[in-house]
Amino acid sequence: MKEGEVFCDVIDRSVLASLRELQDEGDPDIIAEVGGLFIKHSPEKVNAIMQSVESEDAKGLLIAAHSLKSSSAYVGAMRLSALAKELELMGRSNSLEGARELAQRLKTEFTQVMTVLEVEINEQGKGRL
């Protein structure tokens, strides 16, 4: 799989394009700003999800997964958002069967999202979109 295919698979480019439409001339790059915030704050959310699953803390899982679900969708990481939504629903229903496996899938997807976002931020000045 080529890098561009991985990018499209991990991040929905139409979401980034929509963000770019909000860009005002002279302002800092909006993808760098939003992506940078995601890169800065989302690892703690993923760690909270993993810890909640490990300790079988349904309420903690609900809160952490809900937060990651929203921020992931905002940067176009739709598969990551969908995994977070599944975990959120498990936490809400207090039914954690299969949560460990799902959390591992989420962690793998999260790693890919972080890599792709970092590439996008680093290349944003090169006219990729």
Protein backbone atom coordinates (compact mmCIF):
# COMPACT_ATOMS: atom_id res chain seq x y z
CA MET A 1 0.00 0.00 0.00
CA LYS A 2 1.38 3.40 -0.98
CA GLU A 3 1.62 6.35 1.42
CA GLY A 4 -1.24 8.18 -0.31
CA GLU A 5 -3.47 5.12 0.00
CA VAL A 6 -2.64 4.83 3.70
CA PHE A 7 -3.45 8.53 4.14
CA CYS A 8 -6.84 8.19 2.48
CA ASP A 9 -7.58 5.09 4.49
CA VAL A 10 -6.66 6.65 7.85
CA ILE A 11 -7.73 10.28 7.39
CA ASP A 12 -10.73 11.49 5.40
CA ARG A 13 -9.20 14.19 3.19
CA SER A 14 -12.61 15.81 2.65
CA VAL A 15 -12.68 16.70 6.36
CA LEU A 16 -9.28 18.38 6.04
CA ALA A 17 -10.47 20.17 2.92
CA SER A 18 -13.49 21.47 4.86
CA LEU A 19 -11.19 22.73 7.60
CA ARG A 20 -9.03 24.44 4.98
CA GLU A 21 -12.12 26.33 3.80
CA LEU A 22 -12.23 27.95 7.24
CA GLN A 23 -8.67 29.21 6.82
CA ASP A 24 -8.33 32.98 6.88
CA GLU A 25 -5.48 34.51 4.94
CA GLY A 26 -2.59 35.44 7.18
CA ASP A 27 -3.69 33.14 10.03
CA PRO A 28 -1.59 30.15 11.10
CA ASP A 29 -2.31 27.00 9.10
CA ILE A 30 -5.58 25.58 10.43
CA ILE A 31 -4.56 21.95 9.82
CA ALA A 32 -1.34 22.51 11.75
CA GLU A 33 -3.30 24.14 14.59
CA VAL A 34 -6.09 21.56 14.84
CA GLY A 35 -3.83 18.60 14.09
CA GLY A 36 -1.27 19.87 16.57
CA LEU A 37 -3.90 20.03 19.31
CA PHE A 38 -5.01 16.50 18.48
CA ILE A 39 -1.41 15.25 18.59
CA LYS A 40 -0.84 17.02 21.90
CA HIS A 41 -4.00 15.96 23.75
CA SER A 42 -5.16 12.67 22.28
CA PRO A 43 -2.43 10.39 23.71
CA GLU A 44 -3.79 11.02 27.21
CA LYS A 45 -7.28 10.07 25.99
CA VAL A 46 -6.00 6.81 24.50
CA ASN A 47 -4.09 6.07 27.71
CA ALA A 48 -7.27 6.72 29.72
CA ILE A 49 -9.17 4.32 27.46
CA MET A 50 -6.52 1.62 27.90
CA GLN A 51 -6.41 2.11 31.68
CA SER A 52 -10.21 2.09 31.95
CA VAL A 53 -10.42 -1.15 30.00
CA GLU A 54 -7.67 -2.72 32.08
CA SER A 55 -9.34 -1.73 35.36
CA GLU A 56 -12.83 -2.51 34.01
CA ASP A 57 -13.92 1.07 34.70
CA ALA A 58 -16.99 1.49 32.48
CA LYS A 59 -17.59 5.13 33.42
CA GLY A 60 -13.96 6.07 32.77
CA LEU A 61 -14.14 4.29 29.43
CA LEU A 62 -17.32 6.14 28.51
CA ILE A 63 -15.77 9.54 29.26
CA ALA A 64 -12.41 8.94 27.57
CA ALA A 65 -13.87 7.24 24.50
CA HIS A 66 -16.49 9.98 24.05
CA SER A 67 -13.80 12.65 24.07
CA LEU A 68 -11.58 10.78 21.60
CA LYS A 69 -14.56 10.03 19.34
CA SER A 70 -15.30 13.72 18.89
CA SER A 71 -11.74 14.96 18.43
CA SER A 72 -10.91 12.13 16.01
CA ALA A 73 -13.85 12.97 13.78
CA TYR A 74 -12.84 16.63 13.79
CA VAL A 75 -9.46 15.78 12.21
CA GLY A 76 -10.99 13.27 9.78
CA ALA A 77 -9.91 10.09 11.56
CA MET A 78 -13.26 8.44 10.97
CA ARG A 79 -12.23 4.83 11.64
CA LEU A 80 -10.62 5.89 14.92
CA SER A 81 -13.78 7.80 15.79
CA ALA A 82 -15.93 4.74 15.03
CA LEU A 83 -13.77 2.53 17.27
CA ALA A 84 -14.00 5.12 20.05
CA LYS A 85 -17.78 5.20 19.59
CA GLU A 86 -17.98 1.41 20.02
CA LEU A 87 -15.96 1.68 23.23
CA GLU A 88 -18.10 4.58 24.41
CA LEU A 89 -21.22 2.47 23.94
CA MET A 90 -19.64 -0.40 25.86
CA GLY A 91 -18.90 1.97 28.72
CA ARG A 92 -22.39 3.45 28.61
CA SER A 93 -24.00 0.00 28.77
CA ASN A 94 -21.52 -1.22 31.40
CA SER A 95 -20.79 -4.21 29.15
CA LEU A 96 -17.04 -4.51 28.61
CA GLU A 97 -16.96 -7.91 26.93
CA GLY A 98 -14.53 -7.61 24.00
CA ALA A 99 -13.33 -4.18 25.14
CA ARG A 100 -9.68 -5.25 25.45
CA GLU A 101 -9.49 -6.40 21.84
CA LEU A 102 -11.34 -3.33 20.61
CA ALA A 103 -9.06 -1.05 22.64
CA GLN A 104 -6.01 -2.70 21.05
CA ARG A 105 -7.49 -2.09 17.59
CA LEU A 106 -8.10 1.53 18.60
CA LYS A 107 -4.50 1.90 19.78
CA THR A 108 -3.16 0.54 16.47
CA GLU A 109 -5.42 2.87 14.46
CA PHE A 110 -4.43 5.77 16.69
CA THR A 111 -0.73 5.18 15.94
CA GLN A 112 -1.48 5.33 12.20
CA VAL A 113 -3.54 8.51 12.60
CA MET A 114 -0.74 10.21 14.53
CA THR A 115 1.80 9.32 11.83
CA VAL A 116 -0.40 10.56 9.00
CA LEU A 117 -1.30 13.80 10.80
CA GLU A 118 2.35 14.53 11.51
CA VAL A 119 3.16 14.02 7.82
CA GLU A 120 0.28 16.31 6.81
CA ILE A 121 1.37 19.03 9.22
CA ASN A 122 4.99 18.81 8.06
CA GLU A 123 3.97 18.98 4.40
CA GLN A 124 1.16 21.53 4.75
CA GLY A 125 3.30 24.29 3.30
CA LYS A 126 3.98 22.30 0.14
CA GLY A 127 0.48 22.68 -1.35
CA ARG A 128 -0.79 19.17 -0.71
CA LEU A 129 -4.46 20.19 -0.58
